[in-house]
PDB file of all heavy atoms in Angstrom:
ATOM      1  N   ALA A   1     -18.759  -4.879  -0.298  1.00  0.00           N
ATOM      2  CA  ALA A   1     -17.476  -4.215  -0.561  1.00  0.00           C
ATOM      3  C   ALA A   1     -16.888  -3.779   0.773  1.00  0.00           C
ATOM      4  O   ALA A   1     -17.575  -3.146   1.581  1.00  0.00           O
ATOM      5  CB  ALA A   1     -17.671  -3.021  -1.480  1.00  0.00           C
ATOM      6  N   ILE A   2     -15.638  -4.144   1.004  1.00  0.00           N
ATOM      7  CA  ILE A   2     -14.992  -3.867   2.293  1.00  0.00           C
ATOM      8  C   ILE A   2     -13.749  -3.025   2.043  1.00  0.00           C
ATOM      9  O   ILE A   2     -12.859  -3.422   1.285  1.00  0.00           O
ATOM     10  CB  ILE A   2     -14.606  -5.168   3.011  1.00  0.00           C
ATOM     11  CG1 ILE A   2     -15.847  -6.024   3.235  1.00  0.00           C
ATOM     12  CG2 ILE A   2     -13.933  -4.861   4.337  1.00  0.00           C
ATOM     13  CD1 ILE A   2     -15.545  -7.358   3.876  1.00  0.00           C
ATOM     14  N   LYS A   3     -13.694  -1.873   2.695  1.00  0.00           N
ATOM     15  CA  LYS A   3     -12.552  -0.979   2.548  1.00  0.00           C
ATOM     16  C   LYS A   3     -11.469  -1.309   3.569  1.00  0.00           C
ATOM     17  O   LYS A   3     -11.760  -1.733   4.686  1.00  0.00           O
ATOM     18  CB  LYS A   3     -12.985   0.478   2.741  1.00  0.00           C
ATOM     19  CG  LYS A   3     -13.868   1.021   1.629  1.00  0.00           C
ATOM     20  CD  LYS A   3     -14.176   2.500   1.856  1.00  0.00           C
ATOM     21  CE  LYS A   3     -15.024   3.064   0.718  1.00  0.00           C
ATOM     22  NZ  LYS A   3     -15.331   4.493   0.912  1.00  0.00           N
ATOM     23  N   ARG A   4     -10.232  -1.110   3.147  1.00  0.00           N
ATOM     24  CA  ARG A   4      -9.119  -1.208   4.086  1.00  0.00           C
ATOM     25  C   ARG A   4      -9.164   0.003   5.004  1.00  0.00           C
ATOM     26  O   ARG A   4      -9.202   1.148   4.527  1.00  0.00           O
ATOM     27  CB  ARG A   4      -7.800  -1.245   3.314  1.00  0.00           C
ATOM     28  CG  ARG A   4      -6.579  -1.500   4.170  1.00  0.00           C
ATOM     29  CD  ARG A   4      -5.411  -1.964   3.322  1.00  0.00           C
ATOM     30  NE  ARG A   4      -4.187  -2.025   4.101  1.00  0.00           N
ATOM     31  CZ  ARG A   4      -3.205  -1.128   4.025  1.00  0.00           C
ATOM     32  NH1 ARG A   4      -3.304  -0.122   3.162  1.00  0.00           N
ATOM     33  NH2 ARG A   4      -2.135  -1.226   4.765  1.00  0.00           N
ATOM     34  N   PRO A   5      -9.170  -0.174   6.325  1.00  0.00           N
ATOM     35  CA  PRO A   5      -9.424   0.946   7.245  1.00  0.00           C
ATOM     36  C   PRO A   5      -8.484   2.130   7.069  1.00  0.00           C
ATOM     37  O   PRO A   5      -8.902   3.283   7.219  1.00  0.00           O
ATOM     38  CB  PRO A   5      -9.261   0.299   8.628  1.00  0.00           C
ATOM     39  CG  PRO A   5      -9.522  -1.154   8.411  1.00  0.00           C
ATOM     40  CD  PRO A   5      -9.015  -1.448   7.040  1.00  0.00           C
ATOM     41  N   THR A   6      -7.227   1.874   6.760  1.00  0.00           N
ATOM     42  CA  THR A   6      -6.254   2.953   6.684  1.00  0.00           C
ATOM     43  C   THR A   6      -5.939   3.381   5.265  1.00  0.00           C
ATOM     44  O   THR A   6      -4.977   4.114   5.041  1.00  0.00           O
ATOM     45  CB  THR A   6      -4.949   2.533   7.393  1.00  0.00           C
ATOM     46  OG1 THR A   6      -4.484   1.299   6.832  1.00  0.00           O
ATOM     47  CG2 THR A   6      -5.179   2.345   8.884  1.00  0.00           C
ATOM     48  N   ASP A   7      -6.715   2.928   4.299  1.00  0.00           N
ATOM     49  CA  ASP A   7      -6.493   3.304   2.902  1.00  0.00           C
ATOM     50  C   ASP A   7      -7.839   3.341   2.193  1.00  0.00           C
ATOM     51  O   ASP A   7      -8.393   2.298   1.829  1.00  0.00           O
ATOM     52  CB  ASP A   7      -5.544   2.320   2.215  1.00  0.00           C
ATOM     53  CG  ASP A   7      -5.139   2.773   0.823  1.00  0.00           C
ATOM     54  OD1 ASP A   7      -5.727   3.753   0.324  1.00  0.00           O
ATOM     55  OD2 ASP A   7      -4.239   2.149   0.222  1.00  0.00           O
ATOM     56  N   LYS A   8      -8.382   4.519   2.002  1.00  0.00           N
ATOM     57  CA  LYS A   8      -9.704   4.653   1.394  1.00  0.00           C
ATOM     58  C   LYS A   8      -9.726   4.246  -0.072  1.00  0.00           C
ATOM     59  O   LYS A   8     -10.795   4.039  -0.642  1.00  0.00           O
ATOM     60  CB  LYS A   8     -10.188   6.102   1.536  1.00  0.00           C
ATOM     61  CG  LYS A   8     -10.376   6.552   2.977  1.00  0.00           C
ATOM     62  CD  LYS A   8     -10.839   7.991   3.050  1.00  0.00           C
ATOM     63  CE  LYS A   8     -11.021   8.435   4.497  1.00  0.00           C
ATOM     64  NZ  LYS A   8     -11.464   9.857   4.593  1.00  0.00           N
ATOM     65  N   ASP A   9      -8.562   4.161  -0.690  1.00  0.00           N
ATOM     66  CA  ASP A   9      -8.498   3.816  -2.113  1.00  0.00           C
ATOM     67  C   ASP A   9      -8.384   2.321  -2.356  1.00  0.00           C
ATOM     68  O   ASP A   9      -8.278   1.890  -3.511  1.00  0.00           O
ATOM     69  CB  ASP A   9      -7.316   4.532  -2.778  1.00  0.00           C
ATOM     70  CG  ASP A   9      -7.456   6.045  -2.735  1.00  0.00           C
ATOM     71  OD1 ASP A   9      -8.598   6.516  -2.814  1.00  0.00           O
ATOM     72  OD2 ASP A   9      -6.433   6.737  -2.618  1.00  0.00           O
ATOM     73  N   GLU A  10      -8.361   1.524  -1.294  1.00  0.00           N
ATOM     74  CA  GLU A  10      -8.192   0.078  -1.455  1.00  0.00           C
ATOM     75  C   GLU A  10      -9.426  -0.631  -0.899  1.00  0.00           C
ATOM     76  O   GLU A  10      -9.693  -0.577   0.299  1.00  0.00           O
ATOM     77  CB  GLU A  10      -6.928  -0.405  -0.753  1.00  0.00           C
ATOM     78  CG  GLU A  10      -6.600  -1.846  -1.077  1.00  0.00           C
ATOM     79  CD  GLU A  10      -5.172  -2.207  -0.705  1.00  0.00           C
ATOM     80  OE1 GLU A  10      -4.537  -1.423   0.024  1.00  0.00           O
ATOM     81  OE2 GLU A  10      -4.689  -3.268  -1.145  1.00  0.00           O
ATOM     82  N   THR A  11     -10.161  -1.276  -1.776  1.00  0.00           N
ATOM     83  CA  THR A  11     -11.405  -1.943  -1.402  1.00  0.00           C
ATOM     84  C   THR A  11     -11.470  -3.308  -2.074  1.00  0.00           C
ATOM     85  O   THR A  11     -11.185  -3.437  -3.268  1.00  0.00           O
ATOM     86  CB  THR A  11     -12.627  -1.108  -1.831  1.00  0.00           C
ATOM     87  OG1 THR A  11     -12.555   0.184  -1.216  1.00  0.00           O
ATOM     88  CG2 THR A  11     -13.922  -1.791  -1.415  1.00  0.00           C
ATOM     89  N   LEU A  12     -11.833  -4.314  -1.301  1.00  0.00           N
ATOM     90  CA  LEU A  12     -12.076  -5.644  -1.851  1.00  0.00           C
ATOM     91  C   LEU A  12     -13.573  -5.876  -1.947  1.00  0.00           C
ATOM     92  O   LEU A  12     -14.321  -5.589  -1.005  1.00  0.00           O
ATOM     93  CB  LEU A  12     -11.439  -6.719  -0.965  1.00  0.00           C
ATOM     94  CG  LEU A  12      -9.909  -6.808  -0.970  1.00  0.00           C
ATOM     95  CD1 LEU A  12      -9.443  -7.955  -0.091  1.00  0.00           C
ATOM     96  CD2 LEU A  12      -9.358  -6.966  -2.381  1.00  0.00           C
ATOM     97  N   VAL A  13     -14.014  -6.401  -3.098  1.00  0.00           N
ATOM     98  CA  VAL A  13     -15.421  -6.689  -3.329  1.00  0.00           C
ATOM     99  C   VAL A  13     -15.614  -8.198  -3.284  1.00  0.00           C
ATOM    100  O   VAL A  13     -14.891  -8.950  -3.942  1.00  0.00           O
ATOM    101  CB  VAL A  13     -15.892  -6.135  -4.686  1.00  0.00           C
ATOM    102  CG1 VAL A  13     -17.392  -6.343  -4.848  1.00  0.00           C
ATOM    103  CG2 VAL A  13     -15.537  -4.663  -4.810  1.00  0.00           C
ATOM    104  N   ILE A  14     -16.600  -8.642  -2.492  1.00  0.00           N
ATOM    105  CA  ILE A  14     -16.885 -10.067  -2.327  1.00  0.00           C
ATOM    106  C   ILE A  14     -18.139 -10.416  -3.134  1.00  0.00           C
ATOM    107  O   ILE A  14     -19.161  -9.724  -3.045  1.00  0.00           O
ATOM    108  CB  ILE A  14     -17.101 -10.414  -0.844  1.00  0.00           C
ATOM    109  CG1 ILE A  14     -15.884  -9.975  -0.016  1.00  0.00           C
ATOM    110  CG2 ILE A  14     -17.345 -11.908  -0.671  1.00  0.00           C
ATOM    111  CD1 ILE A  14     -16.064 -10.168   1.472  1.00  0.00           C
ATOM    112  N   PHE A  15     -18.049 -11.481  -3.896  1.00  0.00           N
ATOM    113  CA  PHE A  15     -19.172 -11.963  -4.695  1.00  0.00           C
ATOM    114  C   PHE A  15     -19.556 -13.366  -4.225  1.00  0.00           C
ATOM    115  O   PHE A  15     -18.698 -14.162  -3.831  1.00  0.00           O
ATOM    116  CB  PHE A  15     -18.812 -12.007  -6.179  1.00  0.00           C
ATOM    117  CG  PHE A  15     -18.594 -10.651  -6.806  1.00  0.00           C
ATOM    118  CD1 PHE A  15     -17.372  -9.999  -6.706  1.00  0.00           C
ATOM    119  CD2 PHE A  15     -19.621 -10.030  -7.501  1.00  0.00           C
ATOM    120  CE1 PHE A  15     -17.169  -8.757  -7.282  1.00  0.00           C
ATOM    121  CE2 PHE A  15     -19.440  -8.796  -8.085  1.00  0.00           C
ATOM    122  CZ  PHE A  15     -18.211  -8.148  -7.965  1.00  0.00           C
ATOM    123  N   ARG A  16     -20.845 -13.659  -4.301  1.00  0.00           N
ATOM    124  CA  ARG A  16     -21.365 -14.987  -3.999  1.00  0.00           C
ATOM    125  C   ARG A  16     -22.114 -15.502  -5.241  1.00  0.00           C
ATOM    126  O   ARG A  16     -22.464 -14.726  -6.141  1.00  0.00           O
ATOM    127  CB  ARG A  16     -22.313 -14.926  -2.804  1.00  0.00           C
ATOM    128  CG  ARG A  16     -23.517 -14.020  -3.024  1.00  0.00           C
ATOM    129  CD  ARG A  16     -24.475 -14.071  -1.847  1.00  0.00           C
ATOM    130  NE  ARG A  16     -25.522 -13.060  -1.992  1.00  0.00           N
ATOM    131  CZ  ARG A  16     -26.609 -13.202  -2.716  1.00  0.00           C
ATOM    132  NH1 ARG A  16     -26.802 -14.324  -3.402  1.00  0.00           N
ATOM    133  NH2 ARG A  16     -27.515 -12.226  -2.791  1.00  0.00           N
ATOM    134  N   PRO A  17     -22.400 -16.789  -5.284  1.00  0.00           N
ATOM    135  CA  PRO A  17     -23.199 -17.323  -6.401  1.00  0.00           C
ATOM    136  C   PRO A  17     -24.575 -16.680  -6.445  1.00  0.00           C
ATOM    137  O   PRO A  17     -25.203 -16.439  -5.407  1.00  0.00           O
ATOM    138  CB  PRO A  17     -23.291 -18.822  -6.086  1.00  0.00           C
ATOM    139  CG  PRO A  17     -22.085 -19.106  -5.241  1.00  0.00           C
ATOM    140  CD  PRO A  17     -21.875 -17.870  -4.425  1.00  0.00           C
ATOM    141  N   ALA A  18     -25.063 -16.365  -7.609  1.00  0.00           N
ATOM    142  CA  ALA A  18     -26.329 -15.644  -7.756  1.00  0.00           C
ATOM    143  C   ALA A  18     -27.514 -16.445  -7.242  1.00  0.00           C
ATOM    144  O   ALA A  18     -28.535 -15.875  -6.858  1.00  0.00           O
ATOM    145  CB  ALA A  18     -26.551 -15.291  -9.227  1.00  0.00           C
ATOM    146  N   LYS A  19     -27.417 -17.789  -7.162  1.00  0.00           N
ATOM    147  CA  LYS A  19     -28.543 -18.624  -6.776  1.00  0.00           C
ATOM    148  C   LYS A  19     -28.597 -18.892  -5.281  1.00  0.00           C
ATOM    149  O   LYS A  19     -29.438 -19.664  -4.830  1.00  0.00           O
ATOM    150  CB  LYS A  19     -28.473 -19.953  -7.526  1.00  0.00           C
ATOM    151  CG  LYS A  19     -28.586 -19.797  -9.039  1.00  0.00           C
ATOM    152  CD  LYS A  19     -28.530 -21.143  -9.734  1.00  0.00           C
ATOM    153  CE  LYS A  19     -28.630 -20.978 -11.246  1.00  0.00           C
ATOM    154  NZ  LYS A  19     -28.576 -22.291 -11.954  1.00  0.00           N
ATOM    155  N   THR A  20     -27.693 -18.277  -4.490  1.00  0.00           N
ATOM    156  CA  THR A  20     -27.706 -18.488  -3.044  1.00  0.00           C
ATOM    157  C   THR A  20     -28.199 -17.244  -2.348  1.00  0.00           C
ATOM    158  O   THR A  20     -28.200 -16.146  -2.905  1.00  0.00           O
ATOM    159  CB  THR A  20     -26.300 -18.825  -2.526  1.00  0.00           C
ATOM    160  OG1 THR A  20     -25.435 -17.702  -2.779  1.00  0.00           O
ATOM    161  CG2 THR A  20     -25.754 -20.063  -3.212  1.00  0.00           C
ATOM    162  N   ASN A  21     -28.634 -17.422  -1.106  1.00  0.00           N
ATOM    163  CA  ASN A  21     -29.101 -16.291  -0.311  1.00  0.00           C
ATOM    164  C   ASN A  21     -27.926 -15.540   0.282  1.00  0.00           C
ATOM    165  O   ASN A  21     -26.864 -16.115   0.537  1.00  0.00           O
ATOM    166  CB  ASN A  21     -30.010 -16.776   0.816  1.00  0.00           C
ATOM    167  CG  ASN A  21     -31.279 -17.405   0.274  1.00  0.00           C
ATOM    168  OD1 ASN A  21     -31.826 -16.944  -0.729  1.00  0.00           O
ATOM    169  ND2 ASN A  21     -31.743 -18.473   0.934  1.00  0.00           N
ATOM    170  N   PRO A  22     -28.073 -14.231   0.546  1.00  0.00           N
ATOM    171  CA  PRO A  22     -26.992 -13.463   1.159  1.00  0.00           C
ATOM    172  C   PRO A  22     -26.601 -14.051   2.505  1.00  0.00           C
ATOM    173  O   PRO A  22     -27.441 -14.570   3.245  1.00  0.00           O
ATOM    174  CB  PRO A  22     -27.589 -12.063   1.299  1.00  0.00           C
ATOM    175  CG  PRO A  22     -28.717 -12.023   0.313  1.00  0.00           C
ATOM    176  CD  PRO A  22     -29.251 -13.408   0.240  1.00  0.00           C
ATOM    177  N   ALA A  23     -25.308 -13.951   2.809  1.00  0.00           N
ATOM    178  CA  ALA A  23     -24.809 -14.462   4.087  1.00  0.00           C
ATOM    179  C   ALA A  23     -25.095 -13.453   5.187  1.00  0.00           C
ATOM    180  O   ALA A  23     -24.852 -12.261   5.016  1.00  0.00           O
ATOM    181  CB  ALA A  23     -23.305 -14.737   3.990  1.00  0.00           C
ATOM    182  N   PRO A  24     -25.606 -13.896   6.348  1.00  0.00           N
ATOM    183  CA  PRO A  24     -25.826 -12.974   7.465  1.00  0.00           C
ATOM    184  C   PRO A  24     -24.503 -12.616   8.115  1.00  0.00           C
ATOM    185  O   PRO A  24     -23.762 -13.492   8.548  1.00  0.00           O
ATOM    186  CB  PRO A  24     -26.705 -13.788   8.419  1.00  0.00           C
ATOM    187  CG  PRO A  24     -26.370 -15.221   8.126  1.00  0.00           C
ATOM    188  CD  PRO A  24     -26.045 -15.275   6.657  1.00  0.00           C
ATOM    189  N   VAL A  25     -24.215 -11.352   8.157  1.00  0.00           N
ATOM    190  CA  VAL A  25     -22.945 -10.906   8.732  1.00  0.00           C
ATOM    191  C   VAL A  25     -23.210  -9.746   9.655  1.00  0.00           C
ATOM    192  O   VAL A  25     -24.225  -9.069   9.577  1.00  0.00           O
ATOM    193  CB  VAL A  25     -21.943 -10.476   7.632  1.00  0.00           C
ATOM    194  CG1 VAL A  25     -21.537 -11.670   6.804  1.00  0.00           C
ATOM    195  CG2 VAL A  25     -22.548  -9.388   6.761  1.00  0.00           C
ATOM    196  N   GLY A  26     -22.229  -9.508  10.539  1.00  0.00           N
ATOM    197  CA  GLY A  26     -22.365  -8.410  11.487  1.00  0.00           C
ATOM    198  C   GLY A  26     -21.476  -7.250  11.154  1.00  0.00           C
ATOM    199  O   GLY A  26     -20.959  -6.596  12.045  1.00  0.00           O
ATOM    200  N   LEU A  27     -21.266  -7.001   9.858  1.00  0.00           N
ATOM    201  CA  LEU A  27     -20.397  -5.907   9.448  1.00  0.00           C
ATOM    202  C   LEU A  27     -21.209  -4.659   9.169  1.00  0.00           C
ATOM    203  O   LEU A  27     -22.383  -4.750   8.789  1.00  0.00           O
ATOM    204  CB  LEU A  27     -19.629  -6.292   8.180  1.00  0.00           C
ATOM    205  CG  LEU A  27     -18.525  -7.336   8.368  1.00  0.00           C
ATOM    206  CD1 LEU A  27     -17.926  -7.663   7.009  1.00  0.00           C
ATOM    207  CD2 LEU A  27     -17.460  -6.847   9.313  1.00  0.00           C
ATOM    208  N   PRO A  28     -20.617  -3.472   9.321  1.00  0.00           N
ATOM    209  CA  PRO A  28     -21.307  -2.249   8.949  1.00  0.00           C
ATOM    210  C   PRO A  28     -21.553  -2.204   7.464  1.00  0.00           C
ATOM    211  O   PRO A  28     -20.910  -2.896   6.681  1.00  0.00           O
ATOM    212  CB  PRO A  28     -20.336  -1.150   9.402  1.00  0.00           C
ATOM    213  CG  PRO A  28     -19.012  -1.819   9.459  1.00  0.00           C
ATOM    214  CD  PRO A  28     -19.276  -3.232   9.847  1.00  0.00           C
ATOM    215  N   GLY A  29     -22.462  -1.375   7.058  1.00  0.00           N
ATOM    216  CA  GLY A  29     -22.786  -1.269   5.632  1.00  0.00           C
ATOM    217  C   GLY A  29     -21.659  -0.710   4.830  1.00  0.00           C
ATOM    218  O   GLY A  29     -20.646  -0.289   5.336  1.00  0.00           O
TER     219      GLY A  29
END
């Protein structure tokens, strides 16, 4: 889930297929 930096009420949630491994990313938690 990624929040819009200047709006705490706006968040986009990213989903992947359940049968794949998580993607390695360099984003904060």
